Amino acid sequence: MIPKQSTYRDRLQPWCIIRHLPKCQRLTVARFARRPDAESYLNALRRLMPAVPHTIVFVNALSANETSVPIPMQLSSIQR
C-alpha cells in the first residue's frame, strides 16, 4: 500500500476503522470524528462480515509543515 499525505479532512476525522490484510497490510475502511460513531460502524461491520478482522485506531498524524521534537531532545533541554 502506498502511504499518502495527511489531508485536512483526515485530521478532522482521526478515528479510523482498518481492515487487516495479508502480509501485514491494512486498508482504511472509514474515518470518523468521534469514537462512538466508529464503534457503531464497527459493530455493523462485524454483523455483516464476521470473518473479516477490523480494528479501530486513532491516527494523530502531523502534516508536512509541522515539526516535532524527539522526546530525548526535550528532556535534555529541560535538564539544562
N, C-alpha and C. Protein backbone atom coordinates (compact mmCIF):
# COMPACT_ATOMS: atom_id res chain seq x y z
N MET A 1 0.83 -1.17 0.00
CA MET A 1 0.00 0.00 0.00
C MET A 1 0.88 1.24 0.00
N ILE A 2 0.45 2.24 -0.70
CA ILE A 2 1.23 3.47 -0.82
C ILE A 2 0.78 4.44 0.27
N PRO A 3 1.70 4.91 1.12
CA PRO A 3 1.30 5.90 2.13
C PRO A 3 0.96 7.21 1.45
N LYS A 4 -0.03 7.89 1.98
CA LYS A 4 -0.44 9.15 1.37
C LYS A 4 -0.28 10.29 2.37
N GLN A 5 -0.22 11.49 1.84
CA GLN A 5 -0.09 12.68 2.67
C GLN A 5 -1.39 12.90 3.43
N SER A 6 -1.29 13.26 4.69
CA SER A 6 -2.45 13.54 5.53
C SER A 6 -3.12 14.82 5.06
N THR A 7 -4.43 14.77 4.84
CA THR A 7 -5.16 15.95 4.40
C THR A 7 -5.86 16.59 5.59
N TYR A 8 -6.38 17.78 5.37
CA TYR A 8 -7.11 18.49 6.42
C TYR A 8 -8.31 17.67 6.87
N ARG A 9 -9.01 17.05 5.93
CA ARG A 9 -10.17 16.22 6.26
C ARG A 9 -9.77 15.02 7.11
N ASP A 10 -8.61 14.43 6.80
CA ASP A 10 -8.12 13.29 7.59
C ASP A 10 -7.84 13.72 9.03
N ARG A 11 -7.30 14.94 9.21
CA ARG A 11 -7.01 15.41 10.55
C ARG A 11 -8.28 15.74 11.33
N LEU A 12 -9.37 16.06 10.63
CA LEU A 12 -10.65 16.30 11.30
C LEU A 12 -11.32 15.01 11.73
N GLN A 13 -10.94 13.91 11.12
CA GLN A 13 -11.53 12.60 11.42
C GLN A 13 -10.43 11.62 11.81
N PRO A 14 -9.95 11.70 13.07
CA PRO A 14 -8.80 10.88 13.45
C PRO A 14 -9.13 9.42 13.77
N TRP A 15 -10.39 9.09 14.03
CA TRP A 15 -10.75 7.70 14.36
C TRP A 15 -10.96 6.92 13.07
N CYS A 16 -10.17 5.86 12.89
CA CYS A 16 -10.24 5.06 11.66
C CYS A 16 -10.62 3.62 11.98
N ILE A 17 -11.34 3.03 11.06
CA ILE A 17 -11.57 1.58 11.10
C ILE A 17 -10.71 1.00 10.00
N ILE A 18 -9.83 0.07 10.40
CA ILE A 18 -8.96 -0.55 9.41
C ILE A 18 -9.28 -2.03 9.28
N ARG A 19 -9.08 -2.54 8.08
CA ARG A 19 -9.25 -3.98 7.79
C ARG A 19 -7.86 -4.56 7.64
N HIS A 20 -7.60 -5.63 8.35
CA HIS A 20 -6.29 -6.28 8.28
C HIS A 20 -6.23 -7.17 7.04
N LEU A 21 -5.16 -6.98 6.27
CA LEU A 21 -4.95 -7.74 5.04
C LEU A 21 -3.71 -8.63 5.20
N PRO A 22 -3.50 -9.57 4.28
CA PRO A 22 -2.31 -10.41 4.36
C PRO A 22 -1.02 -9.60 4.22
N LYS A 23 0.08 -10.17 4.67
CA LYS A 23 1.41 -9.58 4.60
C LYS A 23 1.50 -8.25 5.35
N CYS A 24 0.88 -8.19 6.51
CA CYS A 24 0.94 -7.01 7.40
C CYS A 24 0.46 -5.73 6.73
N GLN A 25 -0.46 -5.84 5.81
CA GLN A 25 -1.02 -4.65 5.18
C GLN A 25 -2.35 -4.32 5.84
N ARG A 26 -2.80 -3.08 5.62
CA ARG A 26 -4.08 -2.67 6.18
C ARG A 26 -4.79 -1.75 5.19
N LEU A 27 -6.09 -1.69 5.32
CA LEU A 27 -6.92 -0.86 4.46
C LEU A 27 -7.82 -0.02 5.35
N THR A 28 -7.81 1.29 5.16
CA THR A 28 -8.71 2.16 5.92
C THR A 28 -10.10 2.04 5.32
N VAL A 29 -11.03 1.56 6.11
CA VAL A 29 -12.40 1.34 5.64
C VAL A 29 -13.22 2.62 5.78
N ALA A 30 -13.08 3.29 6.93
CA ALA A 30 -13.86 4.51 7.18
C ALA A 30 -13.14 5.37 8.22
N ARG A 31 -13.45 6.68 8.21
CA ARG A 31 -12.88 7.62 9.17
C ARG A 31 -14.01 8.35 9.87
N PHE A 32 -13.80 8.67 11.17
CA PHE A 32 -14.83 9.32 11.97
C PHE A 32 -14.21 10.39 12.86
N ALA A 33 -15.01 11.38 13.20
CA ALA A 33 -14.56 12.43 14.11
C ALA A 33 -14.72 11.99 15.56
N ARG A 34 -15.68 11.12 15.83
CA ARG A 34 -15.96 10.69 17.21
C ARG A 34 -15.84 9.17 17.33
N ARG A 35 -15.29 8.73 18.46
CA ARG A 35 -15.11 7.30 18.69
C ARG A 35 -16.44 6.53 18.74
N PRO A 36 -17.50 7.06 19.40
CA PRO A 36 -18.76 6.29 19.42
C PRO A 36 -19.31 6.01 18.02
N ASP A 37 -19.10 6.94 17.08
CA ASP A 37 -19.54 6.69 15.71
C ASP A 37 -18.74 5.54 15.09
N ALA A 38 -17.44 5.53 15.35
CA ALA A 38 -16.60 4.45 14.83
C ALA A 38 -16.99 3.10 15.43
N GLU A 39 -17.30 3.10 16.73
CA GLU A 39 -17.71 1.85 17.38
C GLU A 39 -19.02 1.32 16.81
N SER A 40 -19.97 2.21 16.55
CA SER A 40 -21.24 1.78 15.96
C SER A 40 -21.03 1.18 14.58
N TYR A 41 -20.19 1.82 13.78
CA TYR A 41 -19.91 1.32 12.44
C TYR A 41 -19.19 -0.02 12.50
N LEU A 42 -18.26 -0.15 13.47
CA LEU A 42 -17.54 -1.41 13.64
C LEU A 42 -18.50 -2.54 14.02
N ASN A 43 -19.47 -2.26 14.87
CA ASN A 43 -20.46 -3.28 15.23
C ASN A 43 -21.25 -3.72 14.01
N ALA A 44 -21.62 -2.78 13.14
CA ALA A 44 -22.35 -3.13 11.92
C ALA A 44 -21.47 -3.98 11.00
N LEU A 45 -20.19 -3.61 10.87
CA LEU A 45 -19.28 -4.40 10.04
C LEU A 45 -19.12 -5.82 10.57
N ARG A 46 -19.03 -5.94 11.89
CA ARG A 46 -18.87 -7.28 12.49
C ARG A 46 -20.10 -8.15 12.27
N ARG A 47 -21.29 -7.53 12.23
CA ARG A 47 -22.51 -8.30 11.95
C ARG A 47 -22.57 -8.71 10.48
N LEU A 48 -22.12 -7.82 9.59
CA LEU A 48 -22.19 -8.11 8.16
C LEU A 48 -21.05 -9.03 7.68
N MET A 49 -19.86 -8.85 8.26
CA MET A 49 -18.69 -9.64 7.85
C MET A 49 -17.98 -10.17 9.09
N PRO A 50 -18.52 -11.21 9.73
CA PRO A 50 -17.92 -11.69 10.98
C PRO A 50 -16.54 -12.32 10.82
N ALA A 51 -16.19 -12.79 9.63
CA ALA A 51 -14.90 -13.46 9.44
C ALA A 51 -13.76 -12.50 9.11
N VAL A 52 -14.09 -11.24 8.84
CA VAL A 52 -13.06 -10.27 8.45
C VAL A 52 -12.64 -9.45 9.66
N PRO A 53 -11.34 -9.42 10.00
CA PRO A 53 -10.89 -8.66 11.18
C PRO A 53 -10.81 -7.16 10.91
N HIS A 54 -11.44 -6.37 11.78
CA HIS A 54 -11.39 -4.91 11.72
C HIS A 54 -10.95 -4.39 13.08
N THR A 55 -10.34 -3.21 13.08
CA THR A 55 -9.87 -2.60 14.32
C THR A 55 -10.09 -1.09 14.24
N ILE A 56 -10.40 -0.49 15.40
CA ILE A 56 -10.50 0.97 15.49
C ILE A 56 -9.14 1.49 15.95
N VAL A 57 -8.63 2.50 15.24
CA VAL A 57 -7.37 3.12 15.63
C VAL A 57 -7.53 4.64 15.63
N PHE A 58 -6.73 5.32 16.46
CA PHE A 58 -6.70 6.78 16.50
C PHE A 58 -5.43 7.21 15.79
N VAL A 59 -5.57 7.97 14.72
CA VAL A 59 -4.42 8.42 13.94
C VAL A 59 -4.24 9.91 14.19
N ASN A 60 -3.13 10.26 14.83
CA ASN A 60 -2.82 11.65 15.11
C ASN A 60 -1.57 11.99 14.31
N ALA A 61 -1.76 12.26 13.01
CA ALA A 61 -0.62 12.49 12.12
C ALA A 61 -0.32 13.98 12.01
N LEU A 62 0.98 14.29 11.99
CA LEU A 62 1.42 15.66 11.77
C LEU A 62 1.52 15.91 10.28
N SER A 63 1.19 17.12 9.87
CA SER A 63 1.32 17.45 8.46
C SER A 63 2.78 17.69 8.12
N ALA A 64 3.08 17.86 6.85
CA ALA A 64 4.47 18.03 6.42
C ALA A 64 5.04 19.36 6.92
N ASN A 65 4.20 20.36 7.16
CA ASN A 65 4.68 21.66 7.62
C ASN A 65 4.96 21.69 9.11
N GLU A 66 4.35 20.81 9.87
CA GLU A 66 4.54 20.79 11.31
C GLU A 66 5.74 19.92 11.65
N THR A 67 6.45 20.30 12.69
CA THR A 67 7.60 19.51 13.12
C THR A 67 7.42 19.13 14.57
N SER A 68 8.04 18.06 14.96
CA SER A 68 8.00 17.63 16.35
C SER A 68 9.43 17.40 16.82
N VAL A 69 9.67 17.68 18.06
CA VAL A 69 10.99 17.49 18.65
C VAL A 69 10.98 16.14 19.34
N PRO A 70 11.97 15.28 19.08
CA PRO A 70 12.02 13.99 19.75
C PRO A 70 12.08 14.15 21.27
N ILE A 71 11.54 13.21 21.99
CA ILE A 71 11.47 13.29 23.45
C ILE A 71 12.86 13.40 24.09
N PRO A 72 13.89 12.64 23.67
CA PRO A 72 15.20 12.80 24.31
C PRO A 72 15.73 14.24 24.22
N MET A 73 15.47 14.93 23.10
CA MET A 73 15.92 16.32 22.94
C MET A 73 15.16 17.22 23.92
N GLN A 74 13.87 16.98 24.10
CA GLN A 74 13.09 17.79 25.01
C GLN A 74 13.59 17.60 26.44
N LEU A 75 13.89 16.38 26.85
CA LEU A 75 14.35 16.11 28.19
C LEU A 75 15.72 16.74 28.45
N SER A 76 16.60 16.67 27.48
CA SER A 76 17.92 17.24 27.68
C SER A 76 17.87 18.76 27.77
N SER A 77 16.96 19.40 27.05
CA SER A 77 16.86 20.85 27.12
C SER A 77 16.23 21.30 28.43
N ILE A 78 15.39 20.48 29.03
CA ILE A 78 14.76 20.83 30.32
C ILE A 78 15.76 20.70 31.44
N GLN A 79 16.64 19.73 31.38
CA GLN A 79 17.59 19.48 32.47
C GLN A 79 18.67 20.56 32.56
N ARG A 80 18.94 21.27 31.49
CA ARG A 80 19.99 22.28 31.49
C ARG A 80 19.57 23.53 32.13
